[in-house]
Amino acid sequence: MGITFSKRDAATYSAANLGGKLLQTRTNGKSVLGTLLAPLLPMFLENNPLPNGSPWSLLNHTTDYYEHFPRTGVIRSYDFTVSRGIIAPDGYQRSVLLVNGAFPGPLIEANWGDTIQVTLHNN
């Protein structure tokens, strides 16, 4: 003797109809990472000097990377504000650290040889 469900019962209790959907702002804050709106990343950033088309094009398999590595002279600056918040990244509310109100925090993008400068504001 078991429990049986009709097609109507199955539709009523399907995951889509339970109303358990969490809004993006409740699961990730202001972050678009992990969504269809997440940016596509290029092979390398193109807003700095690109000899022969790529930041590392003057190097090859014979290069001693301990002595010679790309020095683009580009400084990538980031300004982050870290704060505590409560969101539900996996469906359960948790106390988390948010970077610029987002979880996960924003991407840090740079080419090999760029300098990364981060300014951090602790809230």
PDB file of N, CA and C in Angstrom:
ATOM      1  N   MET A   1       0.840  -1.156   0.000  1.00  0.00           N
ATOM      2  CA  MET A   1       0.000   0.000   0.000  1.00  0.00           C
ATOM      3  C   MET A   1       0.896   1.234   0.000  1.00  0.00           C
ATOM      4  N   GLY A   2       0.812   2.037  -1.035  1.00  0.00           N
ATOM      5  CA  GLY A   2       1.648   3.217  -1.156  1.00  0.00           C
ATOM      6  C   GLY A   2       0.817   4.456  -1.424  1.00  0.00           C
ATOM      7  N   ILE A   3       1.496   5.548  -1.475  1.00  0.00           N
ATOM      8  CA  ILE A   3       0.835   6.815  -1.766  1.00  0.00           C
ATOM      9  C   ILE A   3       0.921   7.046  -3.257  1.00  0.00           C
ATOM     10  N   THR A   4      -0.170   7.388  -3.871  1.00  0.00           N
ATOM     11  CA  THR A   4      -0.174   7.669  -5.300  1.00  0.00           C
ATOM     12  C   THR A   4      -0.594   9.112  -5.525  1.00  0.00           C
ATOM     13  N   PHE A   5      -0.036   9.685  -6.570  1.00  0.00           N
ATOM     14  CA  PHE A   5      -0.362  11.057  -6.947  1.00  0.00           C
ATOM     15  C   PHE A   5      -0.933  11.056  -8.349  1.00  0.00           C
ATOM     16  N   SER A   6      -1.923  11.861  -8.562  1.00  0.00           N
ATOM     17  CA  SER A   6      -2.438  12.043  -9.912  1.00  0.00           C
ATOM     18  C   SER A   6      -1.555  13.052 -10.633  1.00  0.00           C
ATOM     19  N   LYS A   7      -1.744  13.189 -11.936  1.00  0.00           N
ATOM     20  CA  LYS A   7      -0.985  14.189 -12.694  1.00  0.00           C
ATOM     21  C   LYS A   7      -1.265  15.591 -12.157  1.00  0.00           C
ATOM     22  N   ARG A   8      -2.491  15.818 -11.739  1.00  0.00           N
ATOM     23  CA  ARG A   8      -2.839  17.122 -11.188  1.00  0.00           C
ATOM     24  C   ARG A   8      -2.080  17.376  -9.886  1.00  0.00           C
ATOM     25  N   ASP A   9      -1.966  16.352  -9.026  1.00  0.00           N
ATOM     26  CA  ASP A   9      -1.209  16.495  -7.782  1.00  0.00           C
ATOM     27  C   ASP A   9       0.263  16.743  -8.073  1.00  0.00           C
ATOM     28  N   ALA A  10       0.807  16.026  -9.041  1.00  0.00           N
ATOM     29  CA  ALA A  10       2.222  16.192  -9.386  1.00  0.00           C
ATOM     30  C   ALA A  10       2.492  17.616  -9.858  1.00  0.00           C
ATOM     31  N   ALA A  11       1.573  18.167 -10.651  1.00  0.00           N
ATOM     32  CA  ALA A  11       1.750  19.539 -11.126  1.00  0.00           C
ATOM     33  C   ALA A  11       1.644  20.532  -9.973  1.00  0.00           C
ATOM     34  N   THR A  12       0.751  20.234  -9.035  1.00  0.00           N
ATOM     35  CA  THR A  12       0.569  21.127  -7.893  1.00  0.00           C
ATOM     36  C   THR A  12       1.807  21.179  -7.016  1.00  0.00           C
ATOM     37  N   TYR A  13       2.457  20.030  -6.835  1.00  0.00           N
ATOM     38  CA  TYR A  13       3.598  19.955  -5.929  1.00  0.00           C
ATOM     39  C   TYR A  13       4.944  19.989  -6.634  1.00  0.00           C
ATOM     40  N   SER A  14       4.967  20.340  -7.900  1.00  0.00           N
ATOM     41  CA  SER A  14       6.251  20.417  -8.602  1.00  0.00           C
ATOM     42  C   SER A  14       7.066  21.572  -8.037  1.00  0.00           C
ATOM     43  N   ALA A  15       8.368  21.497  -8.215  1.00  0.00           N
ATOM     44  CA  ALA A  15       9.270  22.511  -7.654  1.00  0.00           C
ATOM     45  C   ALA A  15       8.919  23.906  -8.153  1.00  0.00           C
ATOM     46  N   ALA A  16       8.471  24.004  -9.393  1.00  0.00           N
ATOM     47  CA  ALA A  16       8.173  25.313  -9.968  1.00  0.00           C
ATOM     48  C   ALA A  16       6.970  25.969  -9.295  1.00  0.00           C
ATOM     49  N   ASN A  17       6.092  25.175  -8.705  1.00  0.00           N
ATOM     50  CA  ASN A  17       4.877  25.731  -8.124  1.00  0.00           C
ATOM     51  C   ASN A  17       4.936  25.894  -6.611  1.00  0.00           C
ATOM     52  N   LEU A  18       6.020  25.546  -5.992  1.00  0.00           N
ATOM     53  CA  LEU A  18       6.100  25.651  -4.540  1.00  0.00           C
ATOM     54  C   LEU A  18       6.375  27.070  -4.065  1.00  0.00           C
ATOM     55  N   GLY A  19       6.757  27.960  -4.959  1.00  0.00           N
ATOM     56  CA  GLY A  19       6.992  29.340  -4.574  1.00  0.00           C
ATOM     57  C   GLY A  19       8.281  29.532  -3.791  1.00  0.00           C
ATOM     58  N   GLY A  20       9.208  28.596  -3.884  1.00  0.00           N
ATOM     59  CA  GLY A  20      10.452  28.677  -3.133  1.00  0.00           C
ATOM     60  C   GLY A  20      11.556  29.395  -3.876  1.00  0.00           C
ATOM     61  N   LYS A  21      11.233  30.011  -4.986  1.00  0.00           N
ATOM     62  CA  LYS A  21      12.253  30.693  -5.778  1.00  0.00           C
ATOM     63  C   LYS A  21      12.776  31.908  -5.022  1.00  0.00           C
ATOM     64  N   LEU A  22      14.098  32.013  -4.943  1.00  0.00           N
ATOM     65  CA  LEU A  22      14.714  33.167  -4.298  1.00  0.00           C
ATOM     66  C   LEU A  22      15.145  34.167  -5.358  1.00  0.00           C
ATOM     67  N   LEU A  23      14.939  35.414  -5.086  1.00  0.00           N
ATOM     68  CA  LEU A  23      15.357  36.457  -6.012  1.00  0.00           C
ATOM     69  C   LEU A  23      16.875  36.539  -6.069  1.00  0.00           C
ATOM     70  N   GLN A  24      17.399  37.004  -7.174  1.00  0.00           N
ATOM     71  CA  GLN A  24      18.843  37.153  -7.358  1.00  0.00           C
ATOM     72  C   GLN A  24      19.456  38.013  -6.258  1.00  0.00           C
ATOM     73  N   THR A  25      18.762  39.051  -5.841  1.00  0.00           N
ATOM     74  CA  THR A  25      19.297  39.928  -4.796  1.00  0.00           C
ATOM     75  C   THR A  25      19.389  39.217  -3.451  1.00  0.00           C
ATOM     76  N   ARG A  26      18.595  38.168  -3.239  1.00  0.00           N
ATOM     77  CA  ARG A  26      18.649  37.416  -1.981  1.00  0.00           C
ATOM     78  C   ARG A  26      19.760  36.374  -2.006  1.00  0.00           C
ATOM     79  N   THR A  27      20.155  35.914  -3.190  1.00  0.00           N
ATOM     80  CA  THR A  27      21.180  34.868  -3.261  1.00  0.00           C
ATOM     81  C   THR A  27      22.569  35.407  -3.555  1.00  0.00           C
ATOM     82  N   ASN A  28      22.668  36.465  -4.348  1.00  0.00           N
ATOM     83  CA  ASN A  28      23.971  36.988  -4.748  1.00  0.00           C
ATOM     84  C   ASN A  28      24.142  38.473  -4.478  1.00  0.00           C
ATOM     85  N   GLY A  29      23.198  39.110  -3.867  1.00  0.00           N
ATOM     86  CA  GLY A  29      23.302  40.553  -3.672  1.00  0.00           C
ATOM     87  C   GLY A  29      23.293  41.255  -5.021  1.00  0.00           C
ATOM     88  N   LYS A  30      24.267  42.109  -5.260  1.00  0.00           N
ATOM     89  CA  LYS A  30      24.338  42.866  -6.512  1.00  0.00           C
ATOM     90  C   LYS A  30      25.172  42.171  -7.584  1.00  0.00           C
ATOM     91  N   SER A  31      25.666  40.960  -7.314  1.00  0.00           N
ATOM     92  CA  SER A  31      26.551  40.268  -8.260  1.00  0.00           C
ATOM     93  C   SER A  31      25.769  39.641  -9.410  1.00  0.00           C
ATOM     94  N   VAL A  32      26.314  39.741 -10.617  1.00  0.00           N
ATOM     95  CA  VAL A  32      25.727  39.055 -11.769  1.00  0.00           C
ATOM     96  C   VAL A  32      26.506  37.784 -12.105  1.00  0.00           C
ATOM     97  N   LEU A  33      27.591  37.528 -11.366  1.00  0.00           N
ATOM     98  CA  LEU A  33      28.367  36.318 -11.619  1.00  0.00           C
ATOM     99  C   LEU A  33      27.502  35.095 -11.325  1.00  0.00           C
ATOM    100  N   GLY A  34      27.590  34.097 -12.175  1.00  0.00           N
ATOM    101  CA  GLY A  34      26.779  32.903 -12.010  1.00  0.00           C
ATOM    102  C   GLY A  34      25.404  33.028 -12.632  1.00  0.00           C
ATOM    103  N   THR A  35      25.167  34.112 -13.358  1.00  0.00           N
ATOM    104  CA  THR A  35      23.888  34.305 -14.037  1.00  0.00           C
ATOM    105  C   THR A  35      24.137  34.438 -15.537  1.00  0.00           C
ATOM    106  N   LEU A  36      23.064  34.491 -16.290  1.00  0.00           N
ATOM    107  CA  LEU A  36      23.198  34.675 -17.736  1.00  0.00           C
ATOM    108  C   LEU A  36      23.693  36.071 -18.088  1.00  0.00           C
ATOM    109  N   LEU A  37      23.641  36.996 -17.145  1.00  0.00           N
ATOM    110  CA  LEU A  37      24.111  38.360 -17.383  1.00  0.00           C
ATOM    111  C   LEU A  37      25.593  38.530 -17.088  1.00  0.00           C
ATOM    112  N   ALA A  38      26.260  37.468 -16.627  1.00  0.00           N
ATOM    113  CA  ALA A  38      27.687  37.547 -16.296  1.00  0.00           C
ATOM    114  C   ALA A  38      28.483  37.896 -17.551  1.00  0.00           C
ATOM    115  N   PRO A  39      29.502  38.746 -17.409  1.00  0.00           N
ATOM    116  CA  PRO A  39      30.287  39.143 -18.582  1.00  0.00           C
ATOM    117  C   PRO A  39      31.135  37.989 -19.108  1.00  0.00           C
ATOM    118  N   LEU A  40      31.305  37.963 -20.412  1.00  0.00           N
ATOM    119  CA  LEU A  40      32.224  37.003 -21.022  1.00  0.00           C
ATOM    120  C   LEU A  40      33.625  37.595 -20.947  1.00  0.00           C
ATOM    121  N   LEU A  41      34.583  36.798 -20.531  1.00  0.00           N
ATOM    122  CA  LEU A  41      35.936  37.307 -20.347  1.00  0.00           C
ATOM    123  C   LEU A  41      36.756  37.149 -21.622  1.00  0.00           C
ATOM    124  N   PRO A  42      37.476  38.187 -22.014  1.00  0.00           N
ATOM    125  CA  PRO A  42      38.345  38.086 -23.192  1.00  0.00           C
ATOM    126  C   PRO A  42      39.611  37.302 -22.852  1.00  0.00           C
ATOM    127  N   MET A  43      40.344  36.865 -23.881  1.00  0.00           N
ATOM    128  CA  MET A  43      41.609  36.174 -23.640  1.00  0.00           C
ATOM    129  C   MET A  43      42.577  37.061 -22.881  1.00  0.00           C
ATOM    130  N   PHE A  44      42.596  38.337 -23.239  1.00  0.00           N
ATOM    131  CA  PHE A  44      43.424  39.314 -22.532  1.00  0.00           C
ATOM    132  C   PHE A  44      42.803  40.684 -22.733  1.00  0.00           C
ATOM    133  N   LEU A  45      43.133  41.592 -21.844  1.00  0.00           N
ATOM    134  CA  LEU A  45      42.607  42.951 -21.933  1.00  0.00           C
ATOM    135  C   LEU A  45      43.384  43.716 -22.994  1.00  0.00           C
ATOM    136  N   GLU A  46      42.690  44.508 -23.772  1.00  0.00           N
ATOM    137  CA  GLU A  46      43.321  45.160 -24.918  1.00  0.00           C
ATOM    138  C   GLU A  46      43.546  46.655 -24.728  1.00  0.00           C
ATOM    139  N   ASN A  47      43.317  47.177 -23.550  1.00  0.00           N
ATOM    140  CA  ASN A  47      43.482  48.620 -23.351  1.00  0.00           C
ATOM    141  C   ASN A  47      44.856  48.951 -22.768  1.00  0.00           C
ATOM    142  N   ASN A  48      45.881  48.259 -23.238  1.00  0.00           N
ATOM    143  CA  ASN A  48      47.267  48.540 -22.859  1.00  0.00           C
ATOM    144  C   ASN A  48      48.166  48.147 -24.031  1.00  0.00           C
ATOM    145  N   PRO A  49      49.478  48.424 -23.968  1.00  0.00           N
ATOM    146  CA  PRO A  49      50.361  48.113 -25.093  1.00  0.00           C
ATOM    147  C   PRO A  49      50.340  46.624 -25.449  1.00  0.00           C
ATOM    148  N   LEU A  50      50.169  46.332 -26.739  1.00  0.00           N
ATOM    149  CA  LEU A  50      50.122  44.946 -27.201  1.00  0.00           C
ATOM    150  C   LEU A  50      51.133  44.750 -28.331  1.00  0.00           C
ATOM    151  N   PRO A  51      52.406  44.510 -28.003  1.00  0.00           N
ATOM    152  CA  PRO A  51      53.381  44.274 -29.067  1.00  0.00           C
ATOM    153  C   PRO A  51      53.033  42.987 -29.812  1.00  0.00           C
ATOM    154  N   ASN A  52      52.933  43.070 -31.108  1.00  0.00           N
ATOM    155  CA  ASN A  52      52.592  41.918 -31.952  1.00  0.00           C
ATOM    156  C   ASN A  52      51.244  41.294 -31.603  1.00  0.00           C
ATOM    157  N   GLY A  53      50.341  42.022 -30.981  1.00  0.00           N
ATOM    158  CA  GLY A  53      48.980  41.528 -30.793  1.00  0.00           C
ATOM    159  C   GLY A  53      48.624  40.944 -29.445  1.00  0.00           C
ATOM    160  N   SER A  54      49.582  40.650 -28.580  1.00  0.00           N
ATOM    161  CA  SER A  54      49.249  40.145 -27.246  1.00  0.00           C
ATOM    162  C   SER A  54      50.274  40.641 -26.235  1.00  0.00           C
ATOM    163  N   PRO A  55      49.917  40.703 -24.963  1.00  0.00           N
ATOM    164  CA  PRO A  55      50.825  41.261 -23.959  1.00  0.00           C
ATOM    165  C   PRO A  55      52.118  40.465 -23.802  1.00  0.00           C
ATOM    166  N   TRP A  56      52.122  39.208 -24.141  1.00  0.00           N
ATOM    167  CA  TRP A  56      53.291  38.349 -23.935  1.00  0.00           C
ATOM    168  C   TRP A  56      53.916  37.883 -25.246  1.00  0.00           C
ATOM    169  N   SER A  57      53.600  38.549 -26.354  1.00  0.00           N
ATOM    170  CA  SER A  57      54.018  38.056 -27.670  1.00  0.00           C
ATOM    171  C   SER A  57      55.521  38.105 -27.908  1.00  0.00           C
ATOM    172  N   LEU A  58      56.270  38.909 -27.139  1.00  0.00           N
ATOM    173  CA  LEU A  58      57.717  38.958 -27.334  1.00  0.00           C
ATOM    174  C   LEU A  58      58.426  37.830 -26.584  1.00  0.00           C
ATOM    175  N   LEU A  59      57.676  37.017 -25.844  1.00  0.00           N
ATOM    176  CA  LEU A  59      58.242  35.903 -25.090  1.00  0.00           C
ATOM    177  C   LEU A  59      57.920  34.594 -25.796  1.00  0.00           C
ATOM    178  N   ASN A  60      58.758  33.584 -25.588  1.00  0.00           N
ATOM    179  CA  ASN A  60      58.500  32.273 -26.191  1.00  0.00           C
ATOM    180  C   ASN A  60      59.025  31.174 -25.278  1.00  0.00           C
ATOM    181  N   HIS A  61      59.111  29.935 -25.789  1.00  0.00           N
ATOM    182  CA  HIS A  61      59.495  28.797 -24.954  1.00  0.00           C
ATOM    183  C   HIS A  61      60.949  28.861 -24.486  1.00  0.00           C
ATOM    184  N   THR A  62      61.770  29.695 -25.094  1.00  0.00           N
ATOM    185  CA  THR A  62      63.169  29.796 -24.665  1.00  0.00           C
ATOM    186  C   THR A  62      63.384  30.909 -23.637  1.00  0.00           C
ATOM    187  N   THR A  63      62.343  31.655 -23.328  1.00  0.00           N
ATOM    188  CA  THR A  63      62.450  32.772 -22.391  1.00  0.00           C
ATOM    189  C   THR A  63      62.643  32.261 -20.965  1.00  0.00           C
ATOM    190  N   ASP A  64      63.584  32.854 -20.240  1.00  0.00           N
ATOM    191  CA  ASP A  64      63.760  32.575 -18.811  1.00  0.00           C
ATOM    192  C   ASP A  64      62.809  33.506 -18.063  1.00  0.00           C
ATOM    193  N   TYR A  65      61.665  32.965 -17.635  1.00  0.00           N
ATOM    194  CA  TYR A  65      60.618  33.795 -17.038  1.00  0.00           C
ATOM    195  C   TYR A  65      60.983  34.327 -15.660  1.00  0.00           C
ATOM    196  N   TYR A  66      62.063  33.818 -15.053  1.00  0.00           N
ATOM    197  CA  TYR A  66      62.536  34.387 -13.794  1.00  0.00           C
ATOM    198  C   TYR A  66      63.266  35.707 -14.048  1.00  0.00           C
ATOM    199  N   GLU A  67      63.840  35.833 -15.224  1.00  0.00           N
ATOM    200  CA  GLU A  67      64.589  37.040 -15.581  1.00  0.00           C
ATOM    201  C   GLU A  67      63.790  37.985 -16.473  1.00  0.00           C
ATOM    202  N   HIS A  68      62.990  37.433 -17.367  1.00  0.00           N
ATOM    203  CA  HIS A  68      62.266  38.236 -18.358  1.00  0.00           C
ATOM    204  C   HIS A  68      60.778  37.902 -18.297  1.00  0.00           C
ATOM    205  N   PHE A  69      59.998  38.863 -17.970  1.00  0.00           N
ATOM    206  CA  PHE A  69      58.550  38.705 -17.980  1.00  0.00           C
ATOM    207  C   PHE A  69      57.958  40.023 -18.450  1.00  0.00           C
ATOM    208  N   PRO A  70      56.720  39.993 -18.925  1.00  0.00           N
ATOM    209  CA  PRO A  70      56.146  41.224 -19.460  1.00  0.00           C
ATOM    210  C   PRO A  70      56.029  42.304 -18.388  1.00  0.00           C
ATOM    211  N   ARG A  71      56.379  43.498 -18.770  1.00  0.00           N
ATOM    212  CA  ARG A  71      56.185  44.676 -17.917  1.00  0.00           C
ATOM    213  C   ARG A  71      55.388  45.674 -18.749  1.00  0.00           C
ATOM    214  N   THR A  72      54.100  45.651 -18.575  1.00  0.00           N
ATOM    215  CA  THR A  72      53.242  46.483 -19.420  1.00  0.00           C
ATOM    216  C   THR A  72      53.221  47.939 -18.977  1.00  0.00           C
ATOM    217  N   GLY A  73      53.535  48.193 -17.709  1.00  0.00           N
ATOM    218  CA  GLY A  73      53.445  49.558 -17.196  1.00  0.00           C
ATOM    219  C   GLY A  73      52.021  49.994 -16.904  1.00  0.00           C
ATOM    220  N   VAL A  74      51.075  49.062 -17.010  1.00  0.00           N
ATOM    221  CA  VAL A  74      49.666  49.379 -16.784  1.00  0.00           C
ATOM    222  C   VAL A  74      49.311  49.081 -15.331  1.00  0.00           C
ATOM    223  N   ILE A  75      48.625  50.022 -14.696  1.00  0.00           N
ATOM    224  CA  ILE A  75      48.138  49.823 -13.330  1.00  0.00           C
ATOM    225  C   ILE A  75      46.629  49.626 -13.398  1.00  0.00           C
ATOM    226  N   ARG A  76      46.163  48.481 -12.935  1.00  0.00           N
ATOM    227  CA  ARG A  76      44.725  48.185 -12.872  1.00  0.00           C
ATOM    228  C   ARG A  76      44.259  48.532 -11.461  1.00  0.00           C
ATOM    229  N   SER A  77      43.427  49.549 -11.341  1.00  0.00           N
ATOM    230  CA  SER A  77      42.980  50.026 -10.028  1.00  0.00           C
ATOM    231  C   SER A  77      41.568  49.537  -9.734  1.00  0.00           C
ATOM    232  N   TYR A  78      41.371  49.093  -8.510  1.00  0.00           N
ATOM    233  CA  TYR A  78      40.069  48.620  -8.058  1.00  0.00           C
ATOM    234  C   TYR A  78      39.749  49.278  -6.726  1.00  0.00           C
ATOM    235  N   ASP A  79      38.489  49.614  -6.524  1.00  0.00           N
ATOM    236  CA  ASP A  79      38.025  50.249  -5.298  1.00  0.00           C
ATOM    237  C   ASP A  79      36.915  49.368  -4.727  1.00  0.00           C
ATOM    238  N   PHE A  80      37.184  48.712  -3.593  1.00  0.00           N
ATOM    239  CA  PHE A  80      36.237  47.771  -3.004  1.00  0.00           C
ATOM    240  C   PHE A  80      35.768  48.265  -1.644  1.00  0.00           C
ATOM    241  N   THR A  81      34.488  48.063  -1.374  1.00  0.00           N
ATOM    242  CA  THR A  81      33.920  48.307  -0.054  1.00  0.00           C
ATOM    243  C   THR A  81      33.442  46.968   0.485  1.00  0.00           C
ATOM    244  N   VAL A  82      33.994  46.552   1.622  1.00  0.00           N
ATOM    245  CA  VAL A  82      33.639  45.271   2.231  1.00  0.00           C
ATOM    246  C   VAL A  82      32.682  45.532   3.384  1.00  0.00           C
ATOM    247  N   SER A  83      31.578  44.778   3.407  1.00  0.00           N
ATOM    248  CA  SER A  83      30.588  44.934   4.474  1.00  0.00           C
ATOM    249  C   SER A  83      29.980  43.579   4.803  1.00  0.00           C
ATOM    250  N   ARG A  84      29.330  43.497   5.939  1.00  0.00           N
ATOM    251  CA  ARG A  84      28.622  42.272   6.320  1.00  0.00           C
ATOM    252  C   ARG A  84      27.179  42.373   5.854  1.00  0.00           C
ATOM    253  N   GLY A  85      26.614  41.223   5.518  1.00  0.00           N
ATOM    254  CA  GLY A  85      25.227  41.185   5.104  1.00  0.00           C
ATOM    255  C   GLY A  85      24.673  39.792   5.283  1.00  0.00           C
ATOM    256  N   ILE A  86      23.380  39.647   5.086  1.00  0.00           N
ATOM    257  CA  ILE A  86      22.738  38.337   5.165  1.00  0.00           C
ATOM    258  C   ILE A  86      22.105  38.064   3.812  1.00  0.00           C
ATOM    259  N   ILE A  87      22.581  37.011   3.164  1.00  0.00           N
ATOM    260  CA  ILE A  87      22.013  36.575   1.885  1.00  0.00           C
ATOM    261  C   ILE A  87      21.889  35.056   1.927  1.00  0.00           C
ATOM    262  N   ALA A  88      21.337  34.481   0.887  1.00  0.00           N
ATOM    263  CA  ALA A  88      21.116  33.037   0.826  1.00  0.00           C
ATOM    264  C   ALA A  88      21.772  32.465  -0.425  1.00  0.00           C
ATOM    265  N   PRO A  89      23.105  32.363  -0.475  1.00  0.00           N
ATOM    266  CA  PRO A  89      23.772  31.906  -1.694  1.00  0.00           C
ATOM    267  C   PRO A  89      23.399  30.482  -2.097  1.00  0.00           C
ATOM    268  N   ASP A  90      23.059  29.639  -1.130  1.00  0.00           N
ATOM    269  CA  ASP A  90      22.674  28.262  -1.442  1.00  0.00           C
ATOM    270  C   ASP A  90      21.227  27.980  -1.040  1.00  0.00           C
ATOM    271  N   GLY A  91      20.454  29.029  -0.818  1.00  0.00           N
ATOM    272  CA  GLY A  91      19.061  28.860  -0.443  1.00  0.00           C
ATOM    273  C   GLY A  91      18.812  29.011   1.046  1.00  0.00           C
ATOM    274  N   TYR A  92      19.861  29.011   1.846  1.00  0.00           N
ATOM    275  CA  TYR A  92      19.735  29.193   3.290  1.00  0.00           C
ATOM    276  C   TYR A  92      20.420  30.492   3.682  1.00  0.00           C
ATOM    277  N   GLN A  93      19.745  31.304   4.453  1.00  0.00           N
ATOM    278  CA  GLN A  93      20.315  32.594   4.832  1.00  0.00           C
ATOM    279  C   GLN A  93      21.563  32.409   5.678  1.00  0.00           C
ATOM    280  N   ARG A  94      22.582  33.192   5.331  1.00  0.00           N
ATOM    281  CA  ARG A  94      23.855  33.136   6.039  1.00  0.00           C
ATOM    282  C   ARG A  94      24.403  34.549   6.187  1.00  0.00           C
ATOM    283  N   SER A  95      25.175  34.739   7.242  1.00  0.00           N
ATOM    284  CA  SER A  95      25.912  35.983   7.409  1.00  0.00           C
ATOM    285  C   SER A  95      27.169  35.873   6.554  1.00  0.00           C
ATOM    286  N   VAL A  96      27.377  36.829   5.668  1.00  0.00           N
ATOM    287  CA  VAL A  96      28.499  36.760   4.724  1.00  0.00           C
ATOM    288  C   VAL A  96      29.210  38.105   4.649  1.00  0.00           C
ATOM    289  N   LEU A  97      30.384  38.082   4.047  1.00  0.00           N
ATOM    290  CA  LEU A  97      31.090  39.311   3.701  1.00  0.00           C
ATOM    291  C   LEU A  97      30.752  39.641   2.256  1.00  0.00           C
ATOM    292  N   LEU A  98      30.315  40.858   2.023  1.00  0.00           N
ATOM    293  CA  LEU A  98      29.967  41.310   0.679  1.00  0.00           C
ATOM    294  C   LEU A  98      31.020  42.295   0.200  1.00  0.00           C
ATOM    295  N   VAL A  99      31.380  42.203  -1.052  1.00  0.00           N
ATOM    296  CA  VAL A  99      32.302  43.155  -1.660  1.00  0.00           C
ATOM    297  C   VAL A  99      31.488  43.995  -2.636  1.00  0.00           C
ATOM    298  N   ASN A 100      31.403  45.286  -2.361  1.00  0.00           N
ATOM    299  CA  ASN A 100      30.558  46.202  -3.143  1.00  0.00           C
ATOM    300  C   ASN A 100      29.115  45.710  -3.184  1.00  0.00           C
ATOM    301  N   GLY A 101      28.658  45.115  -2.075  1.00  0.00           N
ATOM    302  CA  GLY A 101      27.284  44.636  -1.971  1.00  0.00           C
ATOM    303  C   GLY A 101      27.017  43.355  -2.722  1.00  0.00           C
ATOM    304  N   ALA A 102      28.053  42.670  -3.216  1.00  0.00           N
ATOM    305  CA  ALA A 102      27.868  41.494  -4.058  1.00  0.00           C
ATOM    306  C   ALA A 102      28.553  40.262  -3.471  1.00  0.00           C
ATOM    307  N   PHE A 103      27.986  39.097  -3.779  1.00  0.00           N
ATOM    308  CA  PHE A 103      28.582  37.814  -3.428  1.00  0.00           C
ATOM    309  C   PHE A 103      28.361  36.868  -4.596  1.00  0.00           C
ATOM    310  N   PRO A 104      29.381  36.348  -5.228  1.00  0.00           N
ATOM    311  CA  PRO A 104      30.785  36.631  -4.963  1.00  0.00           C
ATOM    312  C   PRO A 104      31.125  38.062  -5.373  1.00  0.00           C
ATOM    313  N   GLY A 105      32.270  38.507  -4.923  1.00  0.00           N
ATOM    314  CA  GLY A 105      32.711  39.867  -5.227  1.00  0.00           C
ATOM    315  C   GLY A 105      33.029  40.046  -6.695  1.00  0.00           C
ATOM    316  N   PRO A 106      33.353  41.267  -7.099  1.00  0.00           N
ATOM    317  CA  PRO A 106      33.652  41.551  -8.504  1.00  0.00           C
ATOM    318  C   PRO A 106      34.945  40.885  -8.966  1.00  0.00           C
ATOM    319  N   LEU A 107      35.047  40.698 -10.259  1.00  0.00           N
ATOM    320  CA  LEU A 107      36.259  40.116 -10.841  1.00  0.00           C
ATOM    321  C   LEU A 107      37.407  41.110 -10.801  1.00  0.00           C
ATOM    322  N   ILE A 108      38.593  40.585 -10.592  1.00  0.00           N
ATOM    323  CA  ILE A 108      39.806  41.381 -10.757  1.00  0.00           C
ATOM    324  C   ILE A 108      40.420  40.908 -12.064  1.00  0.00           C
ATOM    325  N   GLU A 109      40.478  41.784 -13.038  1.00  0.00           N
ATOM    326  CA  GLU A 109      41.008  41.422 -14.348  1.00  0.00           C
ATOM    327  C   GLU A 109      42.306  42.164 -14.609  1.00  0.00           C
ATOM    328  N   ALA A 110      43.288  41.453 -15.139  1.00  0.00           N
ATOM    329  CA  ALA A 110      44.571  42.054 -15.495  1.00  0.00           C
ATOM    330  C   ALA A 110      45.287  41.127 -16.459  1.00  0.00           C
ATOM    331  N   ASN A 111      46.226  41.684 -17.182  1.00  0.00           N
ATOM    332  CA  ASN A 111      47.106  40.883 -18.037  1.00  0.00           C
ATOM    333  C   ASN A 111      48.376  40.550 -17.272  1.00  0.00           C
ATOM    334  N   TRP A 112      49.049  39.527 -17.716  1.00  0.00           N
ATOM    335  CA  TRP A 112      50.340  39.170 -17.159  1.00  0.00           C
ATOM    336  C   TRP A 112      51.270  40.367 -17.348  1.00  0.00           C
ATOM    337  N   GLY A 113      51.856  40.852 -16.270  1.00  0.00           N
ATOM    338  CA  GLY A 113      52.741  42.000 -16.336  1.00  0.00           C
ATOM    339  C   GLY A 113      52.110  43.296 -15.868  1.00  0.00           C
ATOM    340  N   ASP A 114      50.783  43.318 -15.691  1.00  0.00           N
ATOM    341  CA  ASP A 114      50.111  44.499 -15.158  1.00  0.00           C
ATOM    342  C   ASP A 114      50.308  44.556 -13.644  1.00  0.00           C
ATOM    343  N   THR A 115      50.186  45.752 -13.089  1.00  0.00           N
ATOM    344  CA  THR A 115      50.210  45.938 -11.640  1.00  0.00           C
ATOM    345  C   THR A 115      48.775  46.110 -11.168  1.00  0.00           C
ATOM    346  N   ILE A 116      48.416  45.413 -10.084  1.00  0.00           N
ATOM    347  CA  ILE A 116      47.063  45.514  -9.533  1.00  0.00           C
ATOM    348  C   ILE A 116      47.117  46.347  -8.262  1.00  0.00           C
ATOM    349  N   GLN A 117      46.312  47.403  -8.233  1.00  0.00           N
ATOM    350  CA  GLN A 117      46.232  48.288  -7.066  1.00  0.00           C
ATOM    351  C   GLN A 117      44.809  48.222  -6.525  1.00  0.00           C
ATOM    352  N   VAL A 118      44.670  47.836  -5.249  1.00  0.00           N
ATOM    353  CA  VAL A 118      43.351  47.697  -4.638  1.00  0.00           C
ATOM    354  C   VAL A 118      43.223  48.674  -3.477  1.00  0.00           C
ATOM    355  N   THR A 119      42.155  49.462  -3.496  1.00  0.00           N
ATOM    356  CA  THR A 119      41.807  50.320  -2.366  1.00  0.00           C
ATOM    357  C   THR A 119      40.624  49.664  -1.677  1.00  0.00           C
ATOM    358  N   LEU A 120      40.765  49.389  -0.381  1.00  0.00           N
ATOM    359  CA  LEU A 120      39.748  48.656   0.362  1.00  0.00           C
ATOM    360  C   LEU A 120      39.146  49.541   1.448  1.00  0.00           C
ATOM    361  N   HIS A 121      37.819  49.636   1.448  1.00  0.00           N
ATOM    362  CA  HIS A 121      37.084  50.366   2.481  1.00  0.00           C
ATOM    363  C   HIS A 121      36.360  49.332   3.329  1.00  0.00           C
ATOM    364  N   ASN A 122      36.608  49.329   4.626  1.00  0.00           N
ATOM    365  CA  ASN A 122      36.025  48.343   5.522  1.00  0.00           C
ATOM    366  C   ASN A 122      34.822  48.943   6.230  1.00  0.00           C
ATOM    367  N   ASN A 123      33.648  48.391   5.938  1.00  0.00           N
ATOM    368  CA  ASN A 123      32.438  48.844   6.633  1.00  0.00           C
ATOM    369  C   ASN A 123      32.053  47.804   7.654  1.00  0.00           C
TER     370      ASN A 123
END
